[in-house]
């Protein structure tokens, strides 16, 4: 009699099949959740890297414009050089937060370059001051303004 009571507690093949089916379904759900989570993280990283690339392009355009101004002592080609820089400024408006200081810096560089270009013809004392801005201040300030925005982990 003890043996027959014990047999009633043993799982039947139907119970084993149900248990295996439940485990398989749970495993499938976990696999889907993990896959979705990893996909989301990958898309998020791709977006951050794309934003970094676009921000870095503005950084490089700023560097190129400053170098043109330095090379030409303020007598740069308004059509080509300034138009390229203006395009970078317009892109920056959408790529950087308003409170980042990037737009203010880019506007400052553009305004001083235009003043230098007009002053370079007259060779006034302000010309020297503006040339010093581009050879020293503008480059240092560029690093300070862009550095927080080009940090991939924060974008």
C-alpha atoms as a PDB file:
ATOM      1  CA  UNK A   1       0.000   0.000   0.000  1.00  0.00           C
ATOM      2  CA  UNK A   2       2.834   2.360   0.626  1.00  0.00           C
ATOM      3  CA  UNK A   3       4.118   1.807  -2.888  1.00  0.00           C
ATOM      4  CA  UNK A   4       0.782   2.634  -4.475  1.00  0.00           C
ATOM      5  CA  UNK A   5       0.531   5.872  -2.471  1.00  0.00           C
ATOM      6  CA  UNK A   6       3.998   6.857  -3.657  1.00  0.00           C
ATOM      7  CA  UNK A   7       3.060   6.209  -7.297  1.00  0.00           C
ATOM      8  CA  UNK A   8       0.236   8.742  -7.100  1.00  0.00           C
ATOM      9  CA  UNK A   9       2.759  11.475  -6.257  1.00  0.00           C
ATOM     10  CA  UNK A  10       5.064  10.794  -9.186  1.00  0.00           C
ATOM     11  CA  UNK A  11       4.533  13.098 -12.190  1.00  0.00           C
ATOM     12  CA  UNK A  12       2.962  11.653 -15.252  1.00  0.00           C
ATOM     13  CA  UNK A  13       4.310  12.221 -18.726  1.00  0.00           C
ATOM     14  CA  UNK A  14       1.602  14.880 -19.236  1.00  0.00           C
ATOM     15  CA  UNK A  15       2.855  16.756 -16.183  1.00  0.00           C
ATOM     16  CA  UNK A  16       6.457  16.553 -17.404  1.00  0.00           C
ATOM     17  CA  UNK A  17       5.436  17.814 -20.855  1.00  0.00           C
ATOM     18  CA  UNK A  18       3.545  20.753 -19.311  1.00  0.00           C
ATOM     19  CA  UNK A  19       6.519  21.598 -17.107  1.00  0.00           C
ATOM     20  CA  UNK A  20       8.941  21.501 -20.049  1.00  0.00           C
ATOM     21  CA  UNK A  21       6.559  23.621 -22.114  1.00  0.00           C
ATOM     22  CA  UNK A  22       6.315  26.221 -19.322  1.00  0.00           C
ATOM     23  CA  UNK A  23      10.095  26.372 -18.935  1.00  0.00           C
ATOM     24  CA  UNK A  24      10.516  26.748 -22.696  1.00  0.00           C
ATOM     25  CA  UNK A  25       7.982  29.605 -22.814  1.00  0.00           C
ATOM     26  CA  UNK A  26       9.658  31.387 -19.897  1.00  0.00           C
ATOM     27  CA  UNK A  27      13.060  31.010 -21.553  1.00  0.00           C
ATOM     28  CA  UNK A  28      11.689  32.410 -24.807  1.00  0.00           C
ATOM     29  CA  UNK A  29      10.197  35.421 -22.998  1.00  0.00           C
ATOM     30  CA  UNK A  30      13.507  36.084 -21.218  1.00  0.00           C
ATOM     31  CA  UNK A  31      15.398  35.803 -24.514  1.00  0.00           C
ATOM     32  CA  UNK A  32      13.045  38.304 -26.185  1.00  0.00           C
ATOM     33  CA  UNK A  33      13.349  40.774 -23.291  1.00  0.00           C
ATOM     34  CA  UNK A  34      17.161  40.534 -23.294  1.00  0.00           C
ATOM     35  CA  UNK A  35      17.253  40.912 -27.069  1.00  0.00           C
ATOM     36  CA  UNK A  36      15.018  44.008 -26.965  1.00  0.00           C
ATOM     37  CA  UNK A  37      17.093  45.543 -24.178  1.00  0.00           C
ATOM     38  CA  UNK A  38      20.352  44.981 -26.057  1.00  0.00           C
ATOM     39  CA  UNK A  39      18.832  46.366 -29.259  1.00  0.00           C
ATOM     40  CA  UNK A  40      17.693  49.491 -27.431  1.00  0.00           C
ATOM     41  CA  UNK A  41      21.158  50.009 -25.932  1.00  0.00           C
ATOM     42  CA  UNK A  42      22.778  49.548 -29.348  1.00  0.00           C
ATOM     43  CA  UNK A  43      20.428  52.069 -30.992  1.00  0.00           C
ATOM     44  CA  UNK A  44      21.062  54.525 -28.165  1.00  0.00           C
ATOM     45  CA  UNK A  45      24.828  54.169 -28.631  1.00  0.00           C
ATOM     46  CA  UNK A  46      24.493  54.633 -32.401  1.00  0.00           C
ATOM     47  CA  UNK A  47      22.512  57.839 -31.851  1.00  0.00           C
ATOM     48  CA  UNK A  48      25.101  59.166 -29.397  1.00  0.00           C
ATOM     49  CA  UNK A  49      27.923  58.380 -31.812  1.00  0.00           C
ATOM     50  CA  UNK A  50      26.068  60.053 -34.697  1.00  0.00           C
ATOM     51  CA  UNK A  51      25.536  63.144 -32.532  1.00  0.00           C
ATOM     52  CA  UNK A  52      29.212  63.123 -31.597  1.00  0.00           C
ATOM     53  CA  UNK A  53      30.217  62.951 -35.271  1.00  0.00           C
ATOM     54  CA  UNK A  54      28.034  65.931 -36.140  1.00  0.00           C
ATOM     55  CA  UNK A  55      29.234  67.947 -33.151  1.00  0.00           C
ATOM     56  CA  UNK A  56      32.835  67.123 -33.952  1.00  0.00           C
ATOM     57  CA  UNK A  57      32.298  68.364 -37.513  1.00  0.00           C
ATOM     58  CA  UNK A  58      31.274  71.757 -36.083  1.00  0.00           C
ATOM     59  CA  UNK A  59      34.351  71.693 -33.849  1.00  0.00           C
ATOM     60  CA  UNK A  60      36.589  70.997 -36.861  1.00  0.00           C
ATOM     61  CA  UNK A  61      34.886  73.692 -38.966  1.00  0.00           C
ATOM     62  CA  UNK A  62      35.578  76.168 -36.173  1.00  0.00           C
ATOM     63  CA  UNK A  63      39.205  75.096 -36.051  1.00  0.00           C
ATOM     64  CA  UNK A  64      39.529  75.439 -39.825  1.00  0.00           C
ATOM     65  CA  UNK A  65      37.969  78.902 -39.819  1.00  0.00           C
ATOM     66  CA  UNK A  66      40.247  80.122 -37.010  1.00  0.00           C
ATOM     67  CA  UNK A  67      43.255  78.769 -38.895  1.00  0.00           C
ATOM     68  CA  UNK A  68      42.152  80.569 -42.080  1.00  0.00           C
ATOM     69  CA  UNK A  69      41.830  83.820 -40.154  1.00  0.00           C
ATOM     70  CA  UNK A  70      45.278  83.309 -38.612  1.00  0.00           C
ATOM     71  CA  UNK A  71      46.906  82.414 -41.942  1.00  0.00           C
ATOM     72  CA  UNK A  72      45.449  85.368 -43.790  1.00  0.00           C
ATOM     73  CA  UNK A  73      45.788  87.979 -41.002  1.00  0.00           C
ATOM     74  CA  UNK A  74      42.083  88.626 -41.245  1.00  0.00           C
ATOM     75  CA  UNK A  75      41.890  89.050 -44.998  1.00  0.00           C
ATOM     76  CA  UNK A  76      39.957  85.872 -45.715  1.00  0.00           C
ATOM     77  CA  UNK A  77      37.580  85.018 -48.508  1.00  0.00           C
ATOM     78  CA  UNK A  78      34.176  86.105 -47.248  1.00  0.00           C
ATOM     79  CA  UNK A  79      32.309  84.046 -49.795  1.00  0.00           C
ATOM     80  CA  UNK A  80      34.011  80.687 -49.258  1.00  0.00           C
ATOM     81  CA  UNK A  81      35.487  80.730 -45.780  1.00  0.00           C
ATOM     82  CA  UNK A  82      32.767  82.612 -43.985  1.00  0.00           C
ATOM     83  CA  UNK A  83      29.984  80.694 -45.746  1.00  0.00           C
ATOM     84  CA  UNK A  84      31.472  77.374 -44.619  1.00  0.00           C
ATOM     85  CA  UNK A  85      31.737  78.649 -41.065  1.00  0.00           C
ATOM     86  CA  UNK A  86      28.201  80.064 -41.165  1.00  0.00           C
ATOM     87  CA  UNK A  87      26.934  76.637 -42.210  1.00  0.00           C
ATOM     88  CA  UNK A  88      28.652  75.111 -39.168  1.00  0.00           C
ATOM     89  CA  UNK A  89      27.045  77.765 -36.957  1.00  0.00           C
ATOM     90  CA  UNK A  90      23.601  76.938 -38.333  1.00  0.00           C
ATOM     91  CA  UNK A  91      24.141  73.223 -37.711  1.00  0.00           C
ATOM     92  CA  UNK A  92      25.409  73.912 -34.198  1.00  0.00           C
ATOM     93  CA  UNK A  93      22.139  75.612 -33.391  1.00  0.00           C
ATOM     94  CA  UNK A  94      20.422  72.201 -33.591  1.00  0.00           C
ATOM     95  CA  UNK A  95      23.238  70.044 -32.220  1.00  0.00           C
ATOM     96  CA  UNK A  96      24.203  71.741 -28.970  1.00  0.00           C
ATOM     97  CA  UNK A  97      22.094  72.643 -25.940  1.00  0.00           C
ATOM     98  CA  UNK A  98      21.203  76.333 -25.680  1.00  0.00           C
ATOM     99  CA  UNK A  99      23.001  76.698 -22.359  1.00  0.00           C
ATOM    100  CA  UNK A 100      26.232  75.034 -23.548  1.00  0.00           C
ATOM    101  CA  UNK A 101      27.891  78.298 -24.592  1.00  0.00           C
ATOM    102  CA  UNK A 102      28.761  76.915 -28.023  1.00  0.00           C
ATOM    103  CA  UNK A 103      26.487  79.248 -29.967  1.00  0.00           C
ATOM    104  CA  UNK A 104      27.720  82.299 -28.071  1.00  0.00           C
ATOM    105  CA  UNK A 105      31.309  81.273 -28.762  1.00  0.00           C
ATOM    106  CA  UNK A 106      30.701  80.662 -32.483  1.00  0.00           C
ATOM    107  CA  UNK A 107      28.937  84.015 -32.804  1.00  0.00           C
ATOM    108  CA  UNK A 108      31.824  85.720 -31.021  1.00  0.00           C
ATOM    109  CA  UNK A 109      34.356  84.124 -33.393  1.00  0.00           C
ATOM    110  CA  UNK A 110      32.335  85.161 -36.437  1.00  0.00           C
ATOM    111  CA  UNK A 111      31.825  88.752 -35.251  1.00  0.00           C
ATOM    112  CA  UNK A 112      35.491  89.198 -34.360  1.00  0.00           C
ATOM    113  CA  UNK A 113      36.573  87.707 -37.685  1.00  0.00           C
ATOM    114  CA  UNK A 114      34.347  90.183 -39.526  1.00  0.00           C
ATOM    115  CA  UNK A 115      35.726  93.066 -37.459  1.00  0.00           C
ATOM    116  CA  UNK A 116      39.279  91.879 -38.084  1.00  0.00           C
ATOM    117  CA  UNK A 117      38.611  91.617 -41.798  1.00  0.00           C
ATOM    118  CA  UNK A 118      37.362  95.199 -41.931  1.00  0.00           C
ATOM    119  CA  UNK A 119      40.130  96.460 -39.622  1.00  0.00           C
ATOM    120  CA  UNK A 120      42.877  94.628 -41.518  1.00  0.00           C
ATOM    121  CA  UNK A 121      42.466  97.041 -44.375  1.00  0.00           C
ATOM    122  CA  UNK A 122      43.071 100.039 -42.095  1.00  0.00           C
ATOM    123  CA  UNK A 123      45.788  98.376 -39.938  1.00  0.00           C
ATOM    124  CA  UNK A 124      44.550  99.989 -36.723  1.00  0.00           C
ATOM    125  CA  UNK A 125      45.517  99.103 -33.157  1.00  0.00           C
ATOM    126  CA  UNK A 126      42.384  97.004 -32.897  1.00  0.00           C
ATOM    127  CA  UNK A 127      43.754  94.813 -35.692  1.00  0.00           C
ATOM    128  CA  UNK A 128      46.565  93.639 -33.415  1.00  0.00           C
ATOM    129  CA  UNK A 129      44.123  93.000 -30.586  1.00  0.00           C
ATOM    130  CA  UNK A 130      41.859  90.933 -32.827  1.00  0.00           C
ATOM    131  CA  UNK A 131      44.805  88.992 -34.249  1.00  0.00           C
ATOM    132  CA  UNK A 132      45.857  88.172 -30.692  1.00  0.00           C
ATOM    133  CA  UNK A 133      42.319  86.951 -29.987  1.00  0.00           C
ATOM    134  CA  UNK A 134      42.525  84.439 -32.818  1.00  0.00           C
ATOM    135  CA  UNK A 135      46.067  83.316 -32.099  1.00  0.00           C
ATOM    136  CA  UNK A 136      45.496  82.746 -28.388  1.00  0.00           C
ATOM    137  CA  UNK A 137      42.063  83.253 -26.863  1.00  0.00           C
ATOM    138  CA  UNK A 138      39.883  81.728 -29.591  1.00  0.00           C
ATOM    139  CA  UNK A 139      41.809  78.454 -29.663  1.00  0.00           C
ATOM    140  CA  UNK A 140      41.892  78.052 -25.878  1.00  0.00           C
ATOM    141  CA  UNK A 141      38.250  79.001 -25.512  1.00  0.00           C
ATOM    142  CA  UNK A 142      37.282  76.532 -28.257  1.00  0.00           C
ATOM    143  CA  UNK A 143      38.648  73.664 -26.162  1.00  0.00           C
ATOM    144  CA  UNK A 144      36.780  74.809 -23.050  1.00  0.00           C
ATOM    145  CA  UNK A 145      33.469  75.355 -24.815  1.00  0.00           C
ATOM    146  CA  UNK A 146      33.421  72.176 -26.902  1.00  0.00           C
ATOM    147  CA  UNK A 147      35.016  69.688 -24.472  1.00  0.00           C
ATOM    148  CA  UNK A 148      31.888  68.989 -22.379  1.00  0.00           C
ATOM    149  CA  UNK A 149      29.778  68.654 -25.517  1.00  0.00           C
ATOM    150  CA  UNK A 150      32.120  66.202 -27.241  1.00  0.00           C
ATOM    151  CA  UNK A 151      32.091  63.744 -24.360  1.00  0.00           C
ATOM    152  CA  UNK A 152      30.376  60.682 -25.864  1.00  0.00           C
ATOM    153  CA  UNK A 153      29.198  59.316 -22.529  1.00  0.00           C
ATOM    154  CA  UNK A 154      27.183  62.485 -21.796  1.00  0.00           C
ATOM    155  CA  UNK A 155      25.632  63.160 -25.227  1.00  0.00           C
END
